């Protein structure tokens, strides 16, 4: 009788020890972390701080720095108007005048002009410091410049151009003019080019229930125009570089959890202050060092990927912990003989199979994380 009890006790003890082996619990979190880090890296999301990635699922406001993040940081010709003649004609003449200039606005005009045909030959190029440039095209001297050039030549904007010029100015566009002698032949609106993927990023963030804000040092008219185009919820305009951090703090003081996205040296304090700092990979080293997550590309849709990765990673961690802990809670009493009175017991061999099965379930569940689509519009 005693010997029988000892044998049974040993079997129960061994079965409990086999089932209680914490393989599943030990793998539940590290395996998910390893797979999520690898998944992020394959999708251009480099995680420098695991806690930053975990906090990303709780973010309710994403604050984008405008230049270089939502926009390309380079100007394009967004409007052309001719006082008389064709718009293509005045643009091609302006392109010829600007063809030897290295100014970013000049490069934008030349690029737009070349899209509409070959440029006429220009000679006698001369830069007018702070005012514009001039050159001879088709034997006639022409000049391209802004308001300073108009003031110098006492030129008035023709009535045929006035409405369009005012509309461009109201949305914050830079306006340049083509002049022959003191007469304005045409006008051109130049604006910082919005990244085509920025609109998708904003829409995807809204779909996730996240508000989108934008911060910039540009004039309020420029900022409001970009915000209206992209559907951004809140704008901080005309912000000095040293004040960006305070705007992050302002959002946090309202009870928001903020992710800041930036690429420049002056974004570093704001990136460090935010609940999650996200640096654009093409940004400065200082910005990258201040961020917990780095996007390898300039695509703002990567921010959506970070949120999706954070949510999916947390979900898998919870699922694995629930399974591993639940398995032990149910199996250990059974292995200890809690239902022996009903004739239900477990042998050490069956316990070993259950323990292995639990580990396999945890591992397979973690592998399902690889099926998560991080990029909006990407195939699953």
Protein backbone atom coordinates (compact mmCIF):
# COMPACT_ATOMS: atom_id res chain seq x y z
CA UNK A 1 0.00 0.00 0.00
CA UNK A 2 2.76 2.43 0.98
CA UNK A 3 4.90 1.34 -1.96
CA UNK A 4 1.96 1.94 -4.29
CA UNK A 5 1.47 5.47 -2.98
CA UNK A 6 5.17 6.21 -3.42
CA UNK A 7 5.09 5.05 -7.04
CA UNK A 8 2.03 7.15 -7.75
CA UNK A 9 3.56 10.17 -6.02
CA UNK A 10 6.73 9.86 -8.05
CA UNK A 11 4.74 9.62 -11.30
CA UNK A 12 2.65 12.67 -10.36
CA UNK A 13 5.75 14.62 -9.35
CA UNK A 14 7.60 13.81 -12.56
CA UNK A 15 4.56 14.69 -14.67
CA UNK A 16 4.17 18.05 -12.90
CA UNK A 17 7.86 18.83 -13.40
CA UNK A 18 7.67 17.93 -17.09
CA UNK A 19 4.59 20.07 -17.72
CA UNK A 20 5.85 22.97 -15.60
CA UNK A 21 9.04 23.22 -17.69
CA UNK A 22 8.72 26.88 -18.79
CA UNK A 23 9.66 26.47 -22.45
CA UNK A 24 6.49 28.15 -23.76
CA UNK A 25 6.62 30.99 -21.23
CA UNK A 26 10.30 31.51 -21.94
CA UNK A 27 9.68 31.76 -25.69
CA UNK A 28 6.43 33.76 -25.57
CA UNK A 29 7.99 37.25 -25.59
CA UNK A 30 11.57 36.88 -26.97
CA UNK A 31 10.40 35.04 -30.09
CA UNK A 32 7.82 37.72 -30.90
CA UNK A 33 10.41 40.47 -30.34
CA UNK A 34 12.89 38.75 -32.64
CA UNK A 35 10.36 38.24 -35.44
CA UNK A 36 8.89 41.76 -35.17
CA UNK A 37 12.35 43.33 -35.32
CA UNK A 38 13.22 41.32 -38.42
CA UNK A 39 9.85 42.11 -40.03
CA UNK A 40 10.34 45.80 -39.39
CA UNK A 41 13.85 45.77 -40.84
CA UNK A 42 12.62 44.10 -44.04
CA UNK A 43 10.04 46.86 -44.39
CA UNK A 44 12.45 49.71 -43.73
CA UNK A 45 11.58 50.19 -40.04
CA UNK A 46 14.69 50.10 -37.86
CA UNK A 47 13.93 49.79 -34.15
CA UNK A 48 16.56 51.44 -31.95
CA UNK A 49 14.45 51.36 -28.78
CA UNK A 50 12.05 48.47 -28.12
CA UNK A 51 10.06 50.51 -25.61
CA UNK A 52 9.47 53.17 -28.28
CA UNK A 53 7.97 50.54 -30.56
CA UNK A 54 5.74 49.24 -27.77
CA UNK A 55 4.53 52.79 -26.97
CA UNK A 56 3.66 53.42 -30.62
CA UNK A 57 0.40 51.47 -30.32
CA UNK A 58 -0.86 54.02 -27.77
CA UNK A 59 -0.02 57.12 -29.87
CA UNK A 60 -3.06 59.23 -30.77
CA UNK A 61 -1.31 62.16 -32.52
CA UNK A 62 1.45 62.00 -35.14
CA UNK A 63 3.28 65.32 -35.56
CA UNK A 64 5.09 65.65 -38.90
CA UNK A 65 7.78 68.18 -39.67
CA UNK A 66 6.71 69.52 -43.09
CA UNK A 67 9.85 70.08 -45.14
CA UNK A 68 11.58 66.91 -46.24
CA UNK A 69 8.94 64.70 -44.65
CA UNK A 70 5.52 65.55 -46.07
CA UNK A 71 7.12 67.56 -48.88
CA UNK A 72 10.20 66.83 -50.95
CA UNK A 73 12.00 70.00 -49.89
CA UNK A 74 12.24 71.18 -53.48
CA UNK A 75 10.03 73.51 -55.50
CA UNK A 76 7.98 72.80 -58.60
CA UNK A 77 6.14 75.16 -60.94
CA UNK A 78 2.52 74.84 -59.87
CA UNK A 79 1.06 77.61 -62.02
CA UNK A 80 1.83 79.60 -65.19
CA UNK A 81 0.02 82.72 -66.42
CA UNK A 82 0.69 84.83 -69.54
CA UNK A 83 -0.28 88.49 -69.89
CA UNK A 84 -0.62 87.86 -73.61
CA UNK A 85 0.48 85.01 -75.83
CA UNK A 86 0.75 81.41 -74.75
CA UNK A 87 1.68 80.10 -71.31
CA UNK A 88 4.06 77.59 -72.92
CA UNK A 89 5.81 80.43 -74.71
CA UNK A 90 6.47 82.56 -71.63
CA UNK A 91 7.57 79.49 -69.65
CA UNK A 92 10.07 78.47 -72.35
CA UNK A 93 11.54 81.98 -72.48
CA UNK A 94 11.80 82.05 -68.67
CA UNK A 95 13.48 78.64 -68.77
CA UNK A 96 16.03 79.91 -71.29
CA UNK A 97 16.78 82.96 -69.13
CA UNK A 98 17.22 80.77 -66.02
CA UNK A 99 19.15 78.00 -67.77
CA UNK A 100 22.55 79.06 -66.39
CA UNK A 101 21.31 79.75 -62.85
CA UNK A 102 21.92 77.34 -59.97
CA UNK A 103 19.15 78.70 -57.75
CA UNK A 104 16.56 76.04 -56.71
CA UNK A 105 13.68 78.13 -58.04
CA UNK A 106 15.51 78.57 -61.34
CA UNK A 107 16.04 74.81 -61.58
CA UNK A 108 12.31 74.30 -61.09
CA UNK A 109 11.45 76.72 -63.91
CA UNK A 110 13.98 75.15 -66.27
CA UNK A 111 12.66 71.64 -65.53
CA UNK A 112 9.05 72.69 -66.13
CA UNK A 113 9.98 74.55 -69.34
CA UNK A 114 11.82 71.54 -70.77
CA UNK A 115 8.71 69.42 -70.26
CA UNK A 116 6.93 71.70 -72.76
CA UNK A 117 9.58 71.64 -75.46
CA UNK A 118 13.13 72.63 -76.34
CA UNK A 119 14.39 75.87 -74.84
CA UNK A 120 15.42 78.74 -77.12
CA UNK A 121 19.06 79.79 -77.02
CA UNK A 122 20.06 82.40 -74.43
CA UNK A 123 23.18 84.54 -74.14
CA UNK A 124 24.58 87.25 -71.91
CA UNK A 125 23.38 85.64 -68.70
CA UNK A 126 23.76 87.88 -65.65
CA UNK A 127 22.65 87.40 -62.05
CA UNK A 128 20.92 90.37 -60.43
CA UNK A 129 21.80 89.82 -56.77
CA UNK A 130 18.71 89.63 -54.59
CA UNK A 131 16.43 90.44 -57.50
CA UNK A 132 16.68 87.74 -60.18
CA UNK A 133 18.52 87.05 -63.43
CA UNK A 134 18.56 88.37 -66.98
CA UNK A 135 19.67 87.09 -70.39
CA UNK A 136 19.14 87.73 -74.08
CA UNK A 137 16.63 85.42 -75.78
CA UNK A 138 15.78 85.75 -79.49
CA UNK A 139 17.82 88.95 -79.60
CA UNK A 140 15.78 90.61 -76.83
CA UNK A 141 16.82 91.06 -73.21
CA UNK A 142 14.51 89.38 -70.72
CA UNK A 143 14.63 89.12 -66.93
CA UNK A 144 13.11 86.77 -64.38
CA UNK A 145 12.69 87.78 -60.76
CA UNK A 146 10.39 88.46 -57.84
CA UNK A 147 8.88 91.53 -56.18
CA UNK A 148 12.29 93.18 -55.70
CA UNK A 149 12.85 93.16 -59.46
CA UNK A 150 9.40 94.69 -60.04
CA UNK A 151 10.14 97.48 -57.60
CA UNK A 152 13.50 98.19 -59.19
CA UNK A 153 11.94 98.49 -62.64
CA UNK A 154 8.76 100.14 -61.42
CA UNK A 155 6.69 97.43 -63.12
CA UNK A 156 3.06 96.80 -62.25
CA UNK A 157 1.34 93.42 -62.48
CA UNK A 158 -1.04 93.55 -65.47
CA UNK A 159 -4.77 93.26 -64.76
CA UNK A 160 -4.83 90.00 -66.77
CA UNK A 161 -2.48 88.39 -64.23
CA UNK A 162 -3.56 90.06 -61.00
CA UNK A 163 -6.29 87.63 -59.90
CA UNK A 164 -4.17 84.55 -60.46
CA UNK A 165 -1.13 86.08 -58.76
CA UNK A 166 -3.20 87.00 -55.71
CA UNK A 167 -4.62 83.49 -55.57
CA UNK A 168 -1.09 82.03 -55.65
CA UNK A 169 0.09 84.38 -52.93
CA UNK A 170 -2.92 83.61 -50.73
CA UNK A 171 -1.92 79.96 -50.59
CA UNK A 172 1.71 80.83 -49.88
CA UNK A 173 3.31 80.15 -53.25
CA UNK A 174 6.46 82.00 -54.32
CA UNK A 175 5.75 84.12 -57.42
CA UNK A 176 8.33 85.00 -60.08
CA UNK A 177 7.79 87.18 -63.16
CA UNK A 178 9.13 87.27 -66.71
CA UNK A 179 9.89 90.82 -67.88
CA UNK A 180 10.89 92.32 -71.21
CA UNK A 181 12.24 95.78 -70.55
CA UNK A 182 9.84 97.01 -67.84
CA UNK A 183 6.81 95.07 -69.04
CA UNK A 184 5.61 91.86 -67.36
CA UNK A 185 4.97 89.08 -69.88
CA UNK A 186 4.08 86.28 -67.48
CA UNK A 187 4.07 85.00 -63.93
CA UNK A 188 4.94 81.64 -62.33
CA UNK A 189 3.87 80.07 -59.04
CA UNK A 190 6.42 77.84 -57.32
CA UNK A 191 5.61 75.61 -54.38
CA UNK A 192 7.37 72.96 -52.35
CA UNK A 193 6.30 69.66 -53.89
CA UNK A 194 4.09 67.53 -51.66
CA UNK A 195 5.09 63.88 -51.63
CA UNK A 196 2.38 61.87 -53.43
CA UNK A 197 2.55 59.20 -50.72
CA UNK A 198 1.95 61.78 -47.95
CA UNK A 199 -1.79 61.87 -48.64
CA UNK A 200 -1.97 58.08 -48.36
CA UNK A 201 -0.10 58.25 -45.06
CA UNK A 202 -2.50 60.84 -43.61
CA UNK A 203 -5.57 58.90 -44.79
CA UNK A 204 -4.20 55.64 -43.36
CA UNK A 205 -3.48 57.30 -39.99
CA UNK A 206 -7.03 58.66 -39.90
CA UNK A 207 -8.33 55.15 -40.63
CA UNK A 208 -6.41 53.98 -37.54
CA UNK A 209 -8.06 56.70 -35.45
CA UNK A 210 -4.89 58.78 -35.15
CA UNK A 211 -4.91 62.58 -35.51
CA UNK A 212 -2.30 64.17 -37.76
CA UNK A 213 -0.55 67.46 -36.99
CA UNK A 214 2.13 69.36 -38.90
CA UNK A 215 4.85 71.71 -37.68
CA UNK A 216 6.87 74.09 -39.85
CA UNK A 217 8.74 77.35 -39.84
CA UNK A 218 7.00 78.38 -43.07
CA UNK A 219 4.43 81.16 -43.28
CA UNK A 220 0.95 80.24 -42.08
CA UNK A 221 -0.50 80.59 -45.59
CA UNK A 222 1.95 78.01 -46.93
CA UNK A 223 1.32 75.64 -44.03
CA UNK A 224 -2.45 75.96 -44.25
CA UNK A 225 -2.37 75.25 -47.99
CA UNK A 226 -0.39 72.04 -47.50
CA UNK A 227 -2.59 71.01 -44.57
CA UNK A 228 -5.77 71.57 -46.57
CA UNK A 229 -4.34 69.57 -49.48
CA UNK A 230 -3.43 66.60 -47.27
CA UNK A 231 -6.34 66.71 -44.82
CA UNK A 232 -4.16 67.43 -41.78
CA UNK A 233 -6.02 68.10 -38.52
CA UNK A 234 -3.81 70.70 -36.83
CA UNK A 235 -1.05 73.05 -37.98
CA UNK A 236 1.77 74.73 -36.07
CA UNK A 237 3.17 77.37 -38.46
CA UNK A 238 5.95 79.97 -38.23
CA UNK A 239 7.58 77.93 -35.46
CA UNK A 240 11.21 78.72 -34.70
CA UNK A 241 13.54 75.67 -34.60
CA UNK A 242 14.10 76.03 -30.87
CA UNK A 243 10.34 76.10 -30.23
CA UNK A 244 9.46 72.77 -31.84
CA UNK A 245 10.01 70.90 -28.57
CA UNK A 246 7.53 73.19 -26.80
CA UNK A 247 4.84 72.35 -29.36
CA UNK A 248 5.30 68.64 -28.62
CA UNK A 249 5.00 69.45 -24.92
CA UNK A 250 1.84 71.45 -25.64
CA UNK A 251 0.20 68.44 -27.29
CA UNK A 252 1.27 66.22 -24.38
CA UNK A 253 -0.17 68.72 -21.89
CA UNK A 254 -3.54 68.25 -23.60
CA UNK A 255 -3.36 64.55 -22.77
CA UNK A 256 -2.15 63.29 -26.14
CA UNK A 257 0.50 60.64 -26.67
CA UNK A 258 2.65 62.06 -29.45
CA UNK A 259 4.85 60.56 -32.14
CA UNK A 260 7.13 63.15 -33.75
CA UNK A 261 8.47 62.59 -37.28
CA UNK A 262 11.42 64.69 -38.44
CA UNK A 263 14.71 64.69 -40.29
CA UNK A 264 16.74 67.76 -39.34
CA UNK A 265 19.12 68.86 -36.61
CA UNK A 266 16.50 71.27 -35.29
CA UNK A 267 14.04 68.36 -34.94
CA UNK A 268 16.25 66.47 -32.48
CA UNK A 269 14.91 68.05 -29.23
CA UNK A 270 11.31 67.48 -30.35
CA UNK A 271 12.10 63.88 -31.30
CA UNK A 272 13.60 63.29 -27.86
CA UNK A 273 10.65 64.98 -26.12
CA UNK A 274 7.93 63.02 -27.93
CA UNK A 275 6.55 59.76 -26.57
CA UNK A 276 7.97 58.18 -29.72
CA UNK A 277 10.58 59.86 -31.92
CA UNK A 278 10.67 58.71 -35.55
CA UNK A 279 13.54 59.88 -37.73
CA UNK A 280 13.62 59.81 -41.51
CA UNK A 281 16.57 57.70 -42.59
CA UNK A 282 17.84 60.34 -45.00
CA UNK A 283 17.90 62.87 -42.17
CA UNK A 284 20.79 64.05 -40.05
CA UNK A 285 22.74 61.86 -37.66
CA UNK A 286 21.58 64.02 -34.75
CA UNK A 287 17.93 63.38 -35.58
CA UNK A 288 18.54 59.65 -35.93
CA UNK A 289 20.36 59.49 -32.58
CA UNK A 290 17.43 61.25 -30.88
CA UNK A 291 14.79 58.87 -32.25
CA UNK A 292 13.63 55.50 -31.02
CA UNK A 293 12.56 54.35 -34.49
CA UNK A 294 14.22 55.12 -37.83
CA UNK A 295 12.54 54.89 -41.25
CA UNK A 296 15.04 53.79 -43.87
CA UNK A 297 13.24 55.74 -46.60
CA UNK A 298 11.63 59.18 -46.86
CA UNK A 299 8.18 57.63 -47.31
CA UNK A 300 5.85 58.94 -44.56
CA UNK A 301 3.69 55.84 -44.96
CA UNK A 302 6.36 54.11 -42.90
CA UNK A 303 4.79 55.72 -39.81
CA UNK A 304 1.63 53.71 -40.46
CA UNK A 305 3.81 50.60 -40.65
CA UNK A 306 5.33 51.37 -37.24
CA UNK A 307 1.87 51.60 -35.66
CA UNK A 308 0.71 48.38 -37.31
CA UNK A 309 3.89 46.60 -36.22
CA UNK A 310 3.48 47.85 -32.65
CA UNK A 311 -0.16 46.75 -32.44
CA UNK A 312 0.52 43.34 -34.01
CA UNK A 313 3.57 42.73 -31.81
CA UNK A 314 1.66 43.53 -28.62
CA UNK A 315 -1.25 41.34 -29.69
CA UNK A 316 1.05 38.36 -30.32
CA UNK A 317 2.80 38.86 -26.98
CA UNK A 318 -0.53 38.79 -25.13
CA UNK A 319 -1.76 35.76 -27.09
CA UNK A 320 1.42 33.82 -26.35
CA UNK A 321 1.39 34.70 -22.66
CA UNK A 322 -2.28 33.76 -22.31
CA UNK A 323 -1.71 30.45 -24.04
CA UNK A 324 1.50 29.56 -22.16
CA UNK A 325 0.14 30.59 -18.76
CA UNK A 326 -3.29 29.09 -19.40
CA UNK A 327 -1.73 25.79 -20.43
CA UNK A 328 0.19 25.60 -17.14
CA UNK A 329 -2.82 26.68 -15.04
CA UNK A 330 -4.93 23.89 -16.56
CA UNK A 331 -2.34 21.16 -17.01
CA UNK A 332 -0.37 21.34 -13.74
CA UNK A 333 -3.34 20.53 -11.43
CA UNK A 334 -4.32 17.74 -13.81
CA UNK A 335 -0.77 16.39 -13.74
CA UNK A 336 -0.78 16.60 -9.94
CA UNK A 337 -3.79 14.27 -9.75
CA UNK A 338 -6.55 16.80 -9.09
CA UNK A 339 -8.97 14.63 -11.12
CA UNK A 340 -7.52 11.27 -10.12
CA UNK A 341 -10.69 10.53 -8.17
CA UNK A 342 -12.52 10.55 -11.49
CA UNK A 343 -9.94 8.31 -13.10
CA UNK A 344 -8.39 11.13 -15.16
CA UNK A 345 -4.60 11.25 -14.83
CA UNK A 346 -1.61 12.11 -17.00
CA UNK A 347 1.50 10.03 -17.51
CA UNK A 348 4.94 11.70 -17.81
CA UNK A 349 4.98 10.78 -21.51
CA UNK A 350 1.66 12.54 -22.15
CA UNK A 351 2.89 15.49 -20.09
CA UNK A 352 5.99 15.71 -22.29
CA UNK A 353 3.81 15.72 -25.41
CA UNK A 354 1.60 18.49 -24.00
CA UNK A 355 4.62 20.54 -23.01
CA UNK A 356 6.09 20.19 -26.50
CA UNK A 357 2.73 20.99 -28.09
CA UNK A 358 2.47 24.18 -26.02
CA UNK A 359 5.92 25.29 -27.17
CA UNK A 360 5.04 24.56 -30.81
CA UNK A 361 1.78 26.53 -30.55
CA UNK A 362 3.63 29.55 -29.12
CA UNK A 363 6.27 29.37 -31.86
CA UNK A 364 3.70 29.01 -34.66
CA UNK A 365 1.61 31.87 -33.30
CA UNK A 366 4.67 34.11 -33.24
CA UNK A 367 5.46 33.15 -36.84
CA UNK A 368 2.02 34.41 -37.91
CA UNK A 369 3.37 37.90 -37.20
CA UNK A 370 5.21 37.67 -40.52
CA UNK A 371 1.85 37.90 -42.31
CA UNK A 372 1.18 41.42 -41.03
CA UNK A 373 1.14 44.03 -43.84
CA UNK A 374 2.96 47.14 -42.66
CA UNK A 375 2.78 49.34 -45.75
CA UNK A 376 -0.61 50.74 -46.86
CA UNK A 377 -1.58 49.23 -50.19
CA UNK A 378 1.07 46.51 -50.03
CA UNK A 379 -0.01 42.99 -50.96
CA UNK A 380 -0.54 40.57 -48.08
